[in-house]
Every structure is written in structure tokens, then in C-alpha cells.
Amino acid sequence: MTLRAPRTVATLAALAALGLTACGSDAEEPAGSDGTDGTTEDAAASAPAEGDGTVTLYSGRNEDLVQPVLDAFTDETGIEVEVRYADTAAMAAQILEEGDNSPAEAFLAQDAGALGAVAKEGRLLELPQETLDLVPETYRSQDGDWVGLTGRARVLVYNKDAVAEDELPSSVQELTEDEWAGRVGIAPTNASFQSFVTAMRVQEGDDTARQWLTDMAANDPQVREKNGIIVADVDSGAIDTGLVNHYYLYELAEEQGVPAEELSAALHFFPDGDTGALVNISGIGLVDEQPDGEAQALVDYLLSEAGQTYFVENTHEYPMVEGVEPDASLPPLDSLDVPDIDLNDLDDLQTTIEMISEAGLL
């Protein structure tokens, strides 16, 4: 069952984009401690003996992307998922606004920063250790109150006819130079962009991040609402480049019915641990005290082989669980030269949104 976000949520989302809320907005470990062999199939959910047969999920991920896997969970367990969809900022703000009266039992977020912001306010429960152990430490909360479901790499998408490979920048910092004026697409209201800026603050300091935003704003950026729009515009030649998550290229290829390599757009992975190569997660946490085990069953299903395979095959993100192979067209996750950033440190989204707004990008 799908519940549309109420007007209050839409208002909170608009406020979040302007930096007036507490939250921001828009991819190997040991066996479990339950005596299983540690395979993802052991984590598959089953309906608990008690419960009302429903889970209320606040989802900051797009309905088209996640509803099919939620339907599969219901088919597998008989547990209905009542979903409220809005962007990640709206859902995080809604949970905090509702406080102890929130009907949310689980929060599915587009990035680690939003999960961390909600967790910082004490609204997420500690997950069972056997659930946490399914995911590498890099991609889960150090306090155990959220866990990554998928990995998504930040990249520069570029038009192969407009930008030669030897012209590609080695750092996201270069995009503020005159050479790139009017040529770079960005989505400032998107959670992934905001987490990337937060990562820059963590890696290089607030002064550097603030200057980068100011310089980008002065360099005639091509502002779009969503990553997917940026990729489509790059592929069509309307924009030369754009800062996005990797998987949007594969979504566009599917829409056009062609292999990704036949698109005019291609992906550039920034080298040398540049902030532009951040690997973030989409993830999930349980909200407040749980009346039953049904929300935990949803988490377990999304981390099962079936759930992880769905994301690999349908969203082209990196799986988080050992034994599930990523899309063969992607570079291996461990081959990416990612920045040395703890995703747990991306929880100060309010300051980031204020910076983006002050730079004139919101």
C-alpha cells in the first residue's frame, strides 16, 4: 500500500532545501552469530509470529526504484508495506517533526548523511549484530543504528563528443576554472549532492567547501532538479558534463534500449581519493521502539540475496553483502580510489544546506 506524503511533508522538503530544517535532502564481513554459514540467503525475512502484518516505511528513494522490491517482500512474507514517499530531506524532517508520535517504523534514505542526522537525534534503534555483520564496517553506522543497502559512486558524467578523455579533470576542484564555465550540471537540492559537499567539508574543511560552492556558483553551473535529468542532458549534448551518481547512466541506457557504452554520455571516476569520487550508500534504519519484528524482517529481506540482487539488476548499484556480484559493467567497488571519509561524519547536513544556499545555488 502506498501513502502519498501529506502537504506538511512537502512543506518540510521545501524548507529543507532552503536550509531551514535540521536535515538535508533527491553504491566481506563475518558470518552471522546465529549459527548460520553467513550466506545472504540465511538473512531472508520471514513473518514473525506476532504483529499486525504491516510495516510503515518512510522512503526517501523513488517509488519506481523501490516499490518492486517492497512488493517482492510482501509476496515472500505476507507483510504489507505502507509507504510514504518524498525526498530524503522531507522524510528525515518529517520523522523529527513528528517526534514520538511518528508512525514510521523504518526510514529508507538516499544517503548516509540523512540517516546520521536522524540517528543523532536519537530516533533510530540499534540493529541486531547479525544484521550489521552482513555489511562491511565502512558502509554502516559505527553505533549500529543504520546499515547500507547499496553503494553509489559519485562521478563526472561527460559527453564523449564534447570532452576528450585527456581533457577530463583530475579533481572536482578544477570544475570552478574558466575552462568549465557553463559546462557543468549540478543538482543542489539532491541529497547526493549535499552529502558530497558535506564530504568536502569533512575532507578539506569548511573554508574550502564554501569557496568551492561560491566559485561554482560564479562559473555558470547548469542547475537541474535531479541527477537523471543531468545525465539525459549530457547525453543529448545540452550540457558537456555533470556531477551525478554512477547508476543514472545505466538507467538512461535502459530507457533508450541500448548498452551503456553506446550512449554519447560516459562516466569519469575521479582519481587519487578526490572528494568527487565519494562512495555513499542508500540505507535503512528502524525508527523508535518497534511494536513487533516486522520492520526488522524488511531490513533482513533487503539484505538478503533476493533483495540485493534486485538492486544490482534493476538500479545498477553496488551490493553491500558478500556473495552477491555487482553489475559486470561496473568497475569493482574495491578498485575505486575513494576519499578517506567516514560516512558517519556526514550527518551535519544543516550546515551544508546553509552553505549551498548562501552561495546562491538554492
Foldseek 3Di string as FASTA:
>chain_A
DEDEDDPQLVVQLVCQLLLNFQAAWFADFAAFPPPDRRALQVLAFEADPDDDLEAEEEEQDDCVQCVVLQVVSCVRHVRYYYYYYDHLSSSLRVPVVCDPNDSHFKYWHPFLQSVLQSVVVVFFDADDPNLQRQFDPLAADPRRFKGFFGKWWKWKKFQCVQAPPVRDDLAPLCCLDQVNQQAEEEASRHPVVLLLLLQCCVPPNPVVSLVSLLSCLVRNYHYDNHQLVQNVCRQVVVHGIYIHIDQSLVVVCVVVVHPSVPTSMDTGQRADQHSSGAMTGTMMGTTDDDPDCPVVSVSSNCSHLVNQQSCQVRRQTHGRGPPRDHDPVDDDPVVGRHHPDRSSSSNRSSVSSVSNVVSVND
